[in-house]
Amino acid sequence: MNEKISVIVPCYNEEEALPYFYEEIVKTAKHMDVFKFEFLFVDDGSKDDTLKLLTDLSEKDIRVKYVSFPRNFGKEAAIYAGLQNSSGDYCVLMDADLQDPPALLPEMMEAIRDEGYDSAATRRVTRKGEPPIRSFFARMFYRIINRISDADIVDGARDYRLMTRQMVDTILDMKEYNRFSKGIFGWIGFNTKWIEFENIERVAGETKWSFWKLFKYSLEGITAFSVLPLQIASVFGVLFSLIAFIMIIVIILRTILFGDPVSGWPSMVCIVMLIGGVQLLSIGILGQYVSKTYLETKHRPIYICKSSNIDLKSNDNGE
């Protein structure tokens, strides 16, 4: 009996790119005819004709499966839904814009079947086509999160990754609502082979990731896998308390010895604003973690399905 590969493709407004992607993934499947394939598309609340295109493809090709959300839940929810409803012995995550070249799939499979790895992941060695400021902050994020967390996240890592069923089941056991898949992949610790490739621009359509969305996503990753920001806030509190104590002693001695009262409201305003800013920063850091805890305790489902052509598995949080 042939082993099956589940190709999981999160989609959000990808009607322009999907025909190109489908054509390429079908070509790759023909070259890997020793495997059975299912193409599982997750429509993340698209506002264009993505869902209509998927239903048309599913009528022509029985390998095409889809899950559609009633609104945009985000790529992390789409990844989880795809993994949870896949049936393959192996699962591969891919983007629909062909920035993840399907032609790498045979090499990735070879790494798992012949070399004994649990997963084969991809990373970009260049960021050609990206704005320089965006590339700079992306590199800084990878450096920071690898220093402050236990998650091993490779610089330039893509979500494009082929995994064994054992690894997929392990990921699905981590049912947190606030998900950061790149961190989860590194945290669970399975053996991974990294395959490098040059950056490829989108085949069609526009990117859905603005600088602000990427910034918020990076904060999700940091707060999901590190408590260092909380420790930094505590250090700020101790440091400023120590400075304040020393300055009180200095002012008292200065007044006693020299009779020089403290004067000057501009310096006082600057000090108050500095300390107030640090306090607000610390409260904001604490608020990020409290908000994550708040969302987790609600036990809301990670995603909601509106329509599908498969029998859905449970989509709760495992409670």
C-alpha atoms as a PDB file:
ATOM      1  CA  MET A   1       0.000   0.000   0.000  1.00  0.00           C
ATOM      2  CA  ASN A   2       1.397   3.384  -1.016  1.00  0.00           C
ATOM      3  CA  GLU A   3       2.133   5.911   1.712  1.00  0.00           C
ATOM      4  CA  LYS A   4       0.208   9.175   1.570  1.00  0.00           C
ATOM      5  CA  ILE A   5       1.480  12.752   1.628  1.00  0.00           C
ATOM      6  CA  SER A   6      -0.880  15.477   2.818  1.00  0.00           C
ATOM      7  CA  VAL A   7      -0.081  18.840   1.240  1.00  0.00           C
ATOM      8  CA  ILE A   8      -1.495  21.515   3.560  1.00  0.00           C
ATOM      9  CA  VAL A   9      -1.974  24.966   2.044  1.00  0.00           C
ATOM     10  CA  PRO A  10      -3.292  27.914   4.109  1.00  0.00           C
ATOM     11  CA  CYS A  11      -5.082  30.370   1.792  1.00  0.00           C
ATOM     12  CA  TYR A  12      -6.233  33.931   2.300  1.00  0.00           C
ATOM     13  CA  ASN A  13      -7.355  35.790  -0.827  1.00  0.00           C
ATOM     14  CA  GLU A  14      -5.256  33.600  -3.109  1.00  0.00           C
ATOM     15  CA  GLU A  15      -7.548  33.238  -6.123  1.00  0.00           C
ATOM     16  CA  GLU A  16      -4.857  34.654  -8.442  1.00  0.00           C
ATOM     17  CA  ALA A  17      -2.076  32.353  -7.220  1.00  0.00           C
ATOM     18  CA  LEU A  18      -4.022  29.107  -6.710  1.00  0.00           C
ATOM     19  CA  PRO A  19      -4.206  28.017 -10.402  1.00  0.00           C
ATOM     20  CA  TYR A  20      -0.417  28.344 -10.702  1.00  0.00           C
ATOM     21  CA  PHE A  21       0.138  26.514  -7.429  1.00  0.00           C
ATOM     22  CA  TYR A  22      -2.238  23.681  -8.321  1.00  0.00           C
ATOM     23  CA  GLU A  23      -0.514  23.189 -11.669  1.00  0.00           C
ATOM     24  CA  GLU A  24       2.918  22.966 -10.013  1.00  0.00           C
ATOM     25  CA  ILE A  25       1.906  20.662  -7.167  1.00  0.00           C
ATOM     26  CA  VAL A  26       0.210  18.276  -9.614  1.00  0.00           C
ATOM     27  CA  LYS A  27       3.442  18.116 -11.626  1.00  0.00           C
ATOM     28  CA  THR A  28       5.387  17.310  -8.470  1.00  0.00           C
ATOM     29  CA  ALA A  29       2.874  14.624  -7.488  1.00  0.00           C
ATOM     30  CA  LYS A  30       3.287  12.964 -10.905  1.00  0.00           C
ATOM     31  CA  HIS A  31       7.050  12.777 -10.380  1.00  0.00           C
ATOM     32  CA  MET A  32       6.461  11.202  -6.954  1.00  0.00           C
ATOM     33  CA  ASP A  33       3.981   8.595  -8.145  1.00  0.00           C
ATOM     34  CA  VAL A  34       5.082   6.046  -5.534  1.00  0.00           C
ATOM     35  CA  PHE A  35       3.074   8.113  -3.042  1.00  0.00           C
ATOM     36  CA  LYS A  36      -0.606   8.908  -2.794  1.00  0.00           C
ATOM     37  CA  PHE A  37      -1.436  12.581  -2.373  1.00  0.00           C
ATOM     38  CA  GLU A  38      -4.132  14.713  -0.838  1.00  0.00           C
ATOM     39  CA  PHE A  39      -4.156  18.468  -1.340  1.00  0.00           C
ATOM     40  CA  LEU A  40      -5.740  20.023   1.734  1.00  0.00           C
ATOM     41  CA  PHE A  41      -6.480  23.729   1.314  1.00  0.00           C
ATOM     42  CA  VAL A  42      -7.561  25.826   4.310  1.00  0.00           C
ATOM     43  CA  ASP A  43      -9.532  28.906   3.262  1.00  0.00           C
ATOM     44  CA  ASP A  44      -8.889  31.394   6.065  1.00  0.00           C
ATOM     45  CA  GLY A  45     -11.997  33.519   5.533  1.00  0.00           C
ATOM     46  CA  SER A  46     -11.013  34.789   2.098  1.00  0.00           C
ATOM     47  CA  LYS A  47     -13.002  37.698   0.683  1.00  0.00           C
ATOM     48  CA  ASP A  48     -12.329  36.900  -2.960  1.00  0.00           C
ATOM     49  CA  ASP A  49     -13.258  33.783  -4.978  1.00  0.00           C
ATOM     50  CA  THR A  50     -10.721  31.496  -3.295  1.00  0.00           C
ATOM     51  CA  LEU A  51     -13.418  29.188  -1.907  1.00  0.00           C
ATOM     52  CA  LYS A  52     -15.244  28.973  -5.236  1.00  0.00           C
ATOM     53  CA  LEU A  53     -12.000  28.046  -6.953  1.00  0.00           C
ATOM     54  CA  LEU A  54     -11.342  25.346  -4.355  1.00  0.00           C
ATOM     55  CA  THR A  55     -14.805  23.841  -4.751  1.00  0.00           C
ATOM     56  CA  ASP A  56     -14.338  23.756  -8.521  1.00  0.00           C
ATOM     57  CA  LEU A  57     -10.958  22.029  -8.137  1.00  0.00           C
ATOM     58  CA  SER A  58     -12.408  19.489  -5.716  1.00  0.00           C
ATOM     59  CA  GLU A  59     -15.063  18.518  -8.274  1.00  0.00           C
ATOM     60  CA  LYS A  60     -12.383  17.876 -10.899  1.00  0.00           C
ATOM     61  CA  ASP A  61      -9.782  16.242  -8.645  1.00  0.00           C
ATOM     62  CA  ILE A  62     -10.793  13.958  -5.765  1.00  0.00           C
ATOM     63  CA  ARG A  63      -7.431  14.603  -4.120  1.00  0.00           C
ATOM     64  CA  VAL A  64      -8.411  18.226  -3.456  1.00  0.00           C
ATOM     65  CA  LYS A  65      -9.874  18.743   0.014  1.00  0.00           C
ATOM     66  CA  TYR A  66     -10.775  22.026   1.642  1.00  0.00           C
ATOM     67  CA  VAL A  67     -11.772  23.528   4.971  1.00  0.00           C
ATOM     68  CA  SER A  68     -13.275  27.008   4.956  1.00  0.00           C
ATOM     69  CA  PHE A  69     -13.468  29.429   7.907  1.00  0.00           C
ATOM     70  CA  PRO A  70     -16.337  31.931   8.309  1.00  0.00           C
ATOM     71  CA  ARG A  71     -13.810  34.707   8.993  1.00  0.00           C
ATOM     72  CA  ASN A  72     -10.068  35.268   9.048  1.00  0.00           C
ATOM     73  CA  PHE A  73      -8.605  33.397  12.049  1.00  0.00           C
ATOM     74  CA  GLY A  74      -4.983  33.856  10.970  1.00  0.00           C
ATOM     75  CA  LYS A  75      -2.370  31.613   9.417  1.00  0.00           C
ATOM     76  CA  GLU A  76      -1.593  29.838  12.693  1.00  0.00           C
ATOM     77  CA  ALA A  77      -5.186  28.641  12.991  1.00  0.00           C
ATOM     78  CA  ALA A  78      -5.138  27.558   9.333  1.00  0.00           C
ATOM     79  CA  ILE A  79      -1.955  25.541   9.896  1.00  0.00           C
ATOM     80  CA  TYR A  80      -3.497  23.841  12.924  1.00  0.00           C
ATOM     81  CA  ALA A  81      -6.715  23.049  11.041  1.00  0.00           C
ATOM     82  CA  GLY A  82      -4.751  21.585   8.149  1.00  0.00           C
ATOM     83  CA  LEU A  83      -2.590  19.387  10.359  1.00  0.00           C
ATOM     84  CA  GLN A  84      -5.572  18.270  12.425  1.00  0.00           C
ATOM     85  CA  ASN A  85      -7.655  17.223   9.412  1.00  0.00           C
ATOM     86  CA  SER A  86      -4.866  15.656   7.380  1.00  0.00           C
ATOM     87  CA  SER A  87      -4.788  11.893   6.845  1.00  0.00           C
ATOM     88  CA  GLY A  88      -1.352  11.388   5.319  1.00  0.00           C
ATOM     89  CA  ASP A  89       1.600   9.428   6.653  1.00  0.00           C
ATOM     90  CA  TYR A  90       3.568  12.611   5.977  1.00  0.00           C
ATOM     91  CA  CYS A  91       2.410  16.229   6.059  1.00  0.00           C
ATOM     92  CA  VAL A  92       3.946  19.161   4.255  1.00  0.00           C
ATOM     93  CA  LEU A  93       3.061  22.817   4.849  1.00  0.00           C
ATOM     94  CA  MET A  94       3.253  25.098   1.821  1.00  0.00           C
ATOM     95  CA  ASP A  95       2.172  28.602   0.832  1.00  0.00           C
ATOM     96  CA  ALA A  96      -0.056  29.049  -2.186  1.00  0.00           C
ATOM     97  CA  ASP A  97       2.031  31.858  -3.695  1.00  0.00           C
ATOM     98  CA  LEU A  98       4.815  29.488  -4.899  1.00  0.00           C
ATOM     99  CA  GLN A  99       7.392  31.138  -2.654  1.00  0.00           C
ATOM    100  CA  ASP A 100       7.712  27.588  -1.331  1.00  0.00           C
ATOM    101  CA  PRO A 101       8.825  25.695  -4.473  1.00  0.00           C
ATOM    102  CA  PRO A 102       7.079  22.286  -4.768  1.00  0.00           C
ATOM    103  CA  ALA A 103      10.121  21.022  -6.704  1.00  0.00           C
ATOM    104  CA  LEU A 104      11.977  20.703  -3.373  1.00  0.00           C
ATOM    105  CA  LEU A 105       9.528  18.094  -2.099  1.00  0.00           C
ATOM    106  CA  PRO A 106      11.388  15.010  -3.473  1.00  0.00           C
ATOM    107  CA  GLU A 107      14.601  16.163  -1.750  1.00  0.00           C
ATOM    108  CA  MET A 108      12.700  16.737   1.475  1.00  0.00           C
ATOM    109  CA  MET A 109      11.163  13.277   1.326  1.00  0.00           C
ATOM    110  CA  GLU A 110      14.582  11.746   0.712  1.00  0.00           C
ATOM    111  CA  ALA A 111      15.851  13.376   3.917  1.00  0.00           C
ATOM    112  CA  ILE A 112      13.102  11.690   5.934  1.00  0.00           C
ATOM    113  CA  ARG A 113      12.914   8.260   4.314  1.00  0.00           C
ATOM    114  CA  ASP A 114      16.575   7.677   3.434  1.00  0.00           C
ATOM    115  CA  GLU A 115      18.461   9.802   5.958  1.00  0.00           C
ATOM    116  CA  GLY A 116      16.302   9.171   9.026  1.00  0.00           C
ATOM    117  CA  TYR A 117      15.170  12.720   9.818  1.00  0.00           C
ATOM    118  CA  ASP A 118      11.794  13.438  11.408  1.00  0.00           C
ATOM    119  CA  SER A 119      11.263  16.526   9.298  1.00  0.00           C
ATOM    120  CA  ALA A 120      12.784  18.437   6.415  1.00  0.00           C
ATOM    121  CA  ALA A 121      12.432  22.202   6.629  1.00  0.00           C
ATOM    122  CA  THR A 122      13.433  25.046   4.350  1.00  0.00           C
ATOM    123  CA  ARG A 123      15.167  28.354   4.919  1.00  0.00           C
ATOM    124  CA  ARG A 124      15.900  31.279   2.644  1.00  0.00           C
ATOM    125  CA  VAL A 125      19.567  32.160   2.290  1.00  0.00           C
ATOM    126  CA  THR A 126      18.721  35.528   0.714  1.00  0.00           C
ATOM    127  CA  ARG A 127      15.917  38.044   1.117  1.00  0.00           C
ATOM    128  CA  LYS A 128      16.025  39.382  -2.415  1.00  0.00           C
ATOM    129  CA  GLY A 129      12.974  41.474  -3.195  1.00  0.00           C
ATOM    130  CA  GLU A 130      12.238  42.371   0.439  1.00  0.00           C
ATOM    131  CA  PRO A 131      12.496  45.971   1.705  1.00  0.00           C
ATOM    132  CA  PRO A 132      15.857  46.400   3.517  1.00  0.00           C
ATOM    133  CA  ILE A 133      14.236  47.646   6.735  1.00  0.00           C
ATOM    134  CA  ARG A 134      11.976  44.590   6.862  1.00  0.00           C
ATOM    135  CA  SER A 135      14.924  42.246   6.322  1.00  0.00           C
ATOM    136  CA  PHE A 136      16.902  43.976   9.076  1.00  0.00           C
ATOM    137  CA  PHE A 137      14.147  43.620  11.670  1.00  0.00           C
ATOM    138  CA  ALA A 138      13.509  39.997  10.629  1.00  0.00           C
ATOM    139  CA  ARG A 139      17.146  39.096  11.265  1.00  0.00           C
ATOM    140  CA  MET A 140      17.088  40.926  14.596  1.00  0.00           C
ATOM    141  CA  PHE A 141      13.988  38.998  15.637  1.00  0.00           C
ATOM    142  CA  TYR A 142      15.632  35.628  14.981  1.00  0.00           C
ATOM    143  CA  ARG A 143      18.713  36.664  16.950  1.00  0.00           C
ATOM    144  CA  ILE A 144      16.684  37.902  19.901  1.00  0.00           C
ATOM    145  CA  ILE A 145      14.275  34.978  20.199  1.00  0.00           C
ATOM    146  CA  ASN A 146      17.065  32.396  19.968  1.00  0.00           C
ATOM    147  CA  ARG A 147      18.906  34.141  22.795  1.00  0.00           C
ATOM    148  CA  ILE A 148      15.954  34.490  25.155  1.00  0.00           C
ATOM    149  CA  SER A 149      13.973  31.284  24.565  1.00  0.00           C
ATOM    150  CA  ASP A 150      14.352  27.498  24.406  1.00  0.00           C
ATOM    151  CA  ALA A 151      12.917  27.380  20.892  1.00  0.00           C
ATOM    152  CA  ASP A 152      15.446  26.749  18.129  1.00  0.00           C
ATOM    153  CA  ILE A 153      14.336  29.013  15.268  1.00  0.00           C
ATOM    154  CA  VAL A 154      16.659  29.205  12.281  1.00  0.00           C
ATOM    155  CA  ASP A 155      17.147  32.570  10.587  1.00  0.00           C
ATOM    156  CA  GLY A 156      15.192  32.675   7.336  1.00  0.00           C
ATOM    157  CA  ALA A 157      13.086  29.650   8.266  1.00  0.00           C
ATOM    158  CA  ARG A 158       9.932  29.163   6.221  1.00  0.00           C
ATOM    159  CA  ASP A 159       6.763  27.351   7.242  1.00  0.00           C
ATOM    160  CA  TYR A 160       7.500  25.047   4.282  1.00  0.00           C
ATOM    161  CA  ARG A 161       8.214  21.802   6.131  1.00  0.00           C
ATOM    162  CA  LEU A 162       7.675  18.070   5.571  1.00  0.00           C
ATOM    163  CA  MET A 163       6.979  16.081   8.743  1.00  0.00           C
ATOM    164  CA  THR A 164       6.312  12.508   9.818  1.00  0.00           C
ATOM    165  CA  ARG A 165       2.954  11.639  11.304  1.00  0.00           C
ATOM    166  CA  GLN A 166       4.577  11.210  14.729  1.00  0.00           C
ATOM    167  CA  MET A 167       5.847  14.783  14.652  1.00  0.00           C
ATOM    168  CA  VAL A 168       2.482  16.094  13.454  1.00  0.00           C
ATOM    169  CA  ASP A 169       0.655  14.313  16.278  1.00  0.00           C
ATOM    170  CA  THR A 170       3.094  15.818  18.775  1.00  0.00           C
ATOM    171  CA  ILE A 171       2.389  19.312  17.430  1.00  0.00           C
ATOM    172  CA  LEU A 172      -1.359  18.693  17.662  1.00  0.00           C
ATOM    173  CA  ASP A 173      -0.956  17.708  21.316  1.00  0.00           C
ATOM    174  CA  MET A 174       0.121  21.308  21.975  1.00  0.00           C
ATOM    175  CA  LYS A 175      -3.328  22.853  21.959  1.00  0.00           C
ATOM    176  CA  GLU A 176      -2.594  26.382  23.128  1.00  0.00           C
ATOM    177  CA  TYR A 177      -4.830  29.075  21.669  1.00  0.00           C
ATOM    178  CA  ASN A 178      -1.988  31.559  21.137  1.00  0.00           C
ATOM    179  CA  ARG A 179       0.084  29.648  18.612  1.00  0.00           C
ATOM    180  CA  PHE A 180       3.504  30.349  17.129  1.00  0.00           C
ATOM    181  CA  SER A 181       4.290  27.403  14.880  1.00  0.00           C
ATOM    182  CA  LYS A 182       7.922  28.282  14.144  1.00  0.00           C
ATOM    183  CA  GLY A 183       8.596  28.164  17.871  1.00  0.00           C
ATOM    184  CA  ILE A 184       6.602  24.960  18.346  1.00  0.00           C
ATOM    185  CA  PHE A 185       8.551  23.227  15.567  1.00  0.00           C
ATOM    186  CA  GLY A 186      11.816  24.066  17.296  1.00  0.00           C
ATOM    187  CA  TRP A 187      10.619  23.467  20.858  1.00  0.00           C
ATOM    188  CA  ILE A 188       9.465  19.859  20.391  1.00  0.00           C
ATOM    189  CA  GLY A 189      13.008  18.892  19.388  1.00  0.00           C
ATOM    190  CA  PHE A 190      12.602  16.380  16.548  1.00  0.00           C
ATOM    191  CA  ASN A 191      15.537  15.898  14.175  1.00  0.00           C
ATOM    192  CA  THR A 192      15.271  18.349  11.298  1.00  0.00           C
ATOM    193  CA  LYS A 193      17.275  18.701   8.114  1.00  0.00           C
ATOM    194  CA  TRP A 194      17.454  22.250   6.766  1.00  0.00           C
ATOM    195  CA  ILE A 195      17.317  22.744   3.024  1.00  0.00           C
ATOM    196  CA  GLU A 196      18.429  26.132   1.714  1.00  0.00           C
ATOM    197  CA  PHE A 197      17.091  27.958  -1.317  1.00  0.00           C
ATOM    198  CA  GLU A 198      17.134  31.409  -2.855  1.00  0.00           C
ATOM    199  CA  ASN A 199      14.235  33.720  -2.098  1.00  0.00           C
ATOM    200  CA  ILE A 200      11.425  33.516  -4.670  1.00  0.00           C
ATOM    201  CA  GLU A 201       8.906  36.294  -5.202  1.00  0.00           C
ATOM    202  CA  ARG A 202       5.166  35.688  -5.276  1.00  0.00           C
ATOM    203  CA  VAL A 203       3.824  34.256  -8.522  1.00  0.00           C
ATOM    204  CA  ALA A 204       0.685  36.409  -8.283  1.00  0.00           C
ATOM    205  CA  GLY A 205      -1.293  38.559  -5.880  1.00  0.00           C
ATOM    206  CA  GLU A 206       0.005  40.663  -3.006  1.00  0.00           C
ATOM    207  CA  THR A 207       1.541  39.754   0.324  1.00  0.00           C
ATOM    208  CA  LYS A 208      -0.830  39.708   3.292  1.00  0.00           C
ATOM    209  CA  TRP A 209       1.966  40.454   5.759  1.00  0.00           C
ATOM    210  CA  SER A 210       2.424  44.165   6.431  1.00  0.00           C
ATOM    211  CA  PHE A 211       5.256  45.418   8.630  1.00  0.00           C
ATOM    212  CA  TRP A 212       2.802  45.944  11.509  1.00  0.00           C
ATOM    213  CA  LYS A 213       1.414  42.412  11.219  1.00  0.00           C
ATOM    214  CA  LEU A 214       4.931  40.980  11.228  1.00  0.00           C
ATOM    215  CA  PHE A 215       5.772  43.084  14.290  1.00  0.00           C
ATOM    216  CA  LYS A 216       2.742  41.761  16.179  1.00  0.00           C
ATOM    217  CA  TYR A 217       3.606  38.233  15.061  1.00  0.00           C
ATOM    218  CA  SER A 218       7.121  38.630  16.453  1.00  0.00           C
ATOM    219  CA  LEU A 219       5.672  39.740  19.799  1.00  0.00           C
ATOM    220  CA  GLU A 220       3.508  36.610  19.781  1.00  0.00           C
ATOM    221  CA  GLY A 221       6.626  34.512  19.346  1.00  0.00           C
ATOM    222  CA  ILE A 222       8.578  36.244  22.102  1.00  0.00           C
ATOM    223  CA  THR A 223       5.780  36.114  24.671  1.00  0.00           C
ATOM    224  CA  ALA A 224       4.920  32.511  23.737  1.00  0.00           C
ATOM    225  CA  PHE A 225       8.408  31.128  24.336  1.00  0.00           C
ATOM    226  CA  SER A 226      10.153  33.453  26.779  1.00  0.00           C
ATOM    227  CA  VAL A 227       9.497  35.176  30.124  1.00  0.00           C
ATOM    228  CA  LEU A 228      12.598  37.363  29.801  1.00  0.00           C
ATOM    229  CA  PRO A 229      10.546  40.535  29.165  1.00  0.00           C
ATOM    230  CA  LEU A 230       8.935  40.050  32.593  1.00  0.00           C
ATOM    231  CA  GLN A 231      12.362  39.646  34.156  1.00  0.00           C
ATOM    232  CA  ILE A 232      13.563  42.806  32.418  1.00  0.00           C
ATOM    233  CA  ALA A 233      10.606  44.721  33.865  1.00  0.00           C
ATOM    234  CA  SER A 234      11.577  43.484  37.334  1.00  0.00           C
ATOM    235  CA  VAL A 235      15.192  44.545  36.791  1.00  0.00           C
ATOM    236  CA  PHE A 236      14.009  48.020  35.780  1.00  0.00           C
ATOM    237  CA  GLY A 237      12.041  48.265  39.025  1.00  0.00           C
ATOM    238  CA  VAL A 238      15.022  47.282  41.187  1.00  0.00           C
ATOM    239  CA  LEU A 239      17.415  49.517  39.248  1.00  0.00           C
ATOM    240  CA  PHE A 240      15.295  52.662  39.492  1.00  0.00           C
ATOM    241  CA  SER A 241      14.549  52.038  43.171  1.00  0.00           C
ATOM    242  CA  LEU A 242      18.299  51.813  43.820  1.00  0.00           C
ATOM    243  CA  ILE A 243      18.999  54.980  41.822  1.00  0.00           C
ATOM    244  CA  ALA A 244      16.218  56.835  43.684  1.00  0.00           C
ATOM    245  CA  PHE A 245      17.629  55.763  47.073  1.00  0.00           C
ATOM    246  CA  ILE A 246      21.141  56.904  46.139  1.00  0.00           C
ATOM    247  CA  MET A 247      19.856  60.246  44.859  1.00  0.00           C
ATOM    248  CA  ILE A 248      17.912  60.847  48.097  1.00  0.00           C
ATOM    249  CA  ILE A 249      21.111  60.352  50.102  1.00  0.00           C
ATOM    250  CA  VAL A 250      23.028  62.678  47.752  1.00  0.00           C
ATOM    251  CA  ILE A 251      20.391  65.416  48.039  1.00  0.00           C
ATOM    252  CA  ILE A 252      20.269  65.190  51.853  1.00  0.00           C
ATOM    253  CA  LEU A 253      24.062  65.376  52.181  1.00  0.00           C
ATOM    254  CA  ARG A 254      24.259  68.191  49.655  1.00  0.00           C
ATOM    255  CA  THR A 255      21.678  70.231  51.576  1.00  0.00           C
ATOM    256  CA  ILE A 256      23.332  69.625  54.969  1.00  0.00           C
ATOM    257  CA  LEU A 257      26.891  70.333  53.817  1.00  0.00           C
ATOM    258  CA  PHE A 258      26.353  73.104  51.303  1.00  0.00           C
ATOM    259  CA  GLY A 259      22.881  74.431  52.089  1.00  0.00           C
ATOM    260  CA  ASP A 260      22.030  74.034  48.407  1.00  0.00           C
ATOM    261  CA  PRO A 261      18.353  73.203  47.957  1.00  0.00           C
ATOM    262  CA  VAL A 262      17.308  71.295  44.886  1.00  0.00           C
ATOM    263  CA  SER A 263      15.972  73.567  42.149  1.00  0.00           C
ATOM    264  CA  GLY A 264      14.919  73.330  38.548  1.00  0.00           C
ATOM    265  CA  TRP A 265      11.562  71.999  37.414  1.00  0.00           C
ATOM    266  CA  PRO A 266      12.738  70.973  33.863  1.00  0.00           C
ATOM    267  CA  SER A 267      15.077  68.309  35.247  1.00  0.00           C
ATOM    268  CA  MET A 268      12.343  67.128  37.606  1.00  0.00           C
ATOM    269  CA  VAL A 269       9.858  66.808  34.734  1.00  0.00           C
ATOM    270  CA  CYS A 270      12.351  64.791  32.698  1.00  0.00           C
ATOM    271  CA  ILE A 271      12.978  62.419  35.592  1.00  0.00           C
ATOM    272  CA  VAL A 272       9.265  61.966  36.257  1.00  0.00           C
ATOM    273  CA  MET A 273       8.589  61.277  32.574  1.00  0.00           C
ATOM    274  CA  LEU A 274      11.471  58.778  32.394  1.00  0.00           C
ATOM    275  CA  ILE A 275      10.310  56.840  35.434  1.00  0.00           C
ATOM    276  CA  GLY A 276       6.686  57.049  34.300  1.00  0.00           C
ATOM    277  CA  GLY A 277       7.674  55.718  30.867  1.00  0.00           C
ATOM    278  CA  VAL A 278       9.513  52.769  32.405  1.00  0.00           C
ATOM    279  CA  GLN A 279       6.504  52.036  34.613  1.00  0.00           C
ATOM    280  CA  LEU A 280       4.129  52.079  31.635  1.00  0.00           C
ATOM    281  CA  LEU A 281       6.517  49.865  29.650  1.00  0.00           C
ATOM    282  CA  SER A 282       6.624  47.365  32.514  1.00  0.00           C
ATOM    283  CA  ILE A 283       2.838  47.415  32.854  1.00  0.00           C
ATOM    284  CA  GLY A 284       2.543  46.890  29.098  1.00  0.00           C
ATOM    285  CA  ILE A 285       4.856  43.867  29.215  1.00  0.00           C
ATOM    286  CA  LEU A 286       2.857  42.422  32.087  1.00  0.00           C
ATOM    287  CA  GLY A 287      -0.350  43.146  30.174  1.00  0.00           C
ATOM    288  CA  GLN A 288       0.861  41.113  27.182  1.00  0.00           C
ATOM    289  CA  TYR A 289       1.283  38.025  29.334  1.00  0.00           C
ATOM    290  CA  VAL A 290      -1.970  38.607  31.227  1.00  0.00           C
ATOM    291  CA  SER A 291      -3.857  38.947  27.939  1.00  0.00           C
ATOM    292  CA  LYS A 292      -2.404  35.661  26.690  1.00  0.00           C
ATOM    293  CA  THR A 293      -3.493  33.956  29.915  1.00  0.00           C
ATOM    294  CA  TYR A 294      -6.946  35.525  29.580  1.00  0.00           C
ATOM    295  CA  LEU A 295      -7.394  34.194  26.051  1.00  0.00           C
ATOM    296  CA  GLU A 296      -6.191  30.722  27.042  1.00  0.00           C
ATOM    297  CA  THR A 297      -8.645  30.476  29.939  1.00  0.00           C
ATOM    298  CA  LYS A 298     -11.599  31.241  27.656  1.00  0.00           C
ATOM    299  CA  HIS A 299     -11.085  27.828  26.005  1.00  0.00           C
ATOM    300  CA  ARG A 300     -12.361  29.101  22.684  1.00  0.00           C
ATOM    301  CA  PRO A 301     -11.765  26.889  19.635  1.00  0.00           C
ATOM    302  CA  ILE A 302      -8.672  27.665  17.593  1.00  0.00           C
ATOM    303  CA  TYR A 303     -10.804  27.843  14.453  1.00  0.00           C
ATOM    304  CA  ILE A 304     -14.401  27.451  13.294  1.00  0.00           C
ATOM    305  CA  CYS A 305     -15.333  25.603  10.119  1.00  0.00           C
ATOM    306  CA  LYS A 306     -18.076  26.979   7.889  1.00  0.00           C
ATOM    307  CA  SER A 307     -17.851  24.459   5.054  1.00  0.00           C
ATOM    308  CA  SER A 308     -15.720  21.505   4.005  1.00  0.00           C
ATOM    309  CA  ASN A 309     -15.722  18.465   1.731  1.00  0.00           C
ATOM    310  CA  ILE A 310     -14.208  16.169   4.375  1.00  0.00           C
ATOM    311  CA  ASP A 311     -15.354  14.767   7.696  1.00  0.00           C
ATOM    312  CA  LEU A 312     -13.827  17.184  10.174  1.00  0.00           C
ATOM    313  CA  LYS A 313     -11.992  16.056  13.244  1.00  0.00           C
ATOM    314  CA  SER A 314     -12.505  17.811  16.580  1.00  0.00           C
ATOM    315  CA  ASN A 315     -11.379  21.430  16.543  1.00  0.00           C
ATOM    316  CA  ASP A 316     -11.572  22.159  20.265  1.00  0.00           C
ATOM    317  CA  ASN A 317      -8.675  22.952  22.560  1.00  0.00           C
ATOM    318  CA  GLY A 318      -8.558  19.500  23.983  1.00  0.00           C
ATOM    319  CA  GLU A 319     -10.412  20.458  27.163  1.00  0.00           C
END
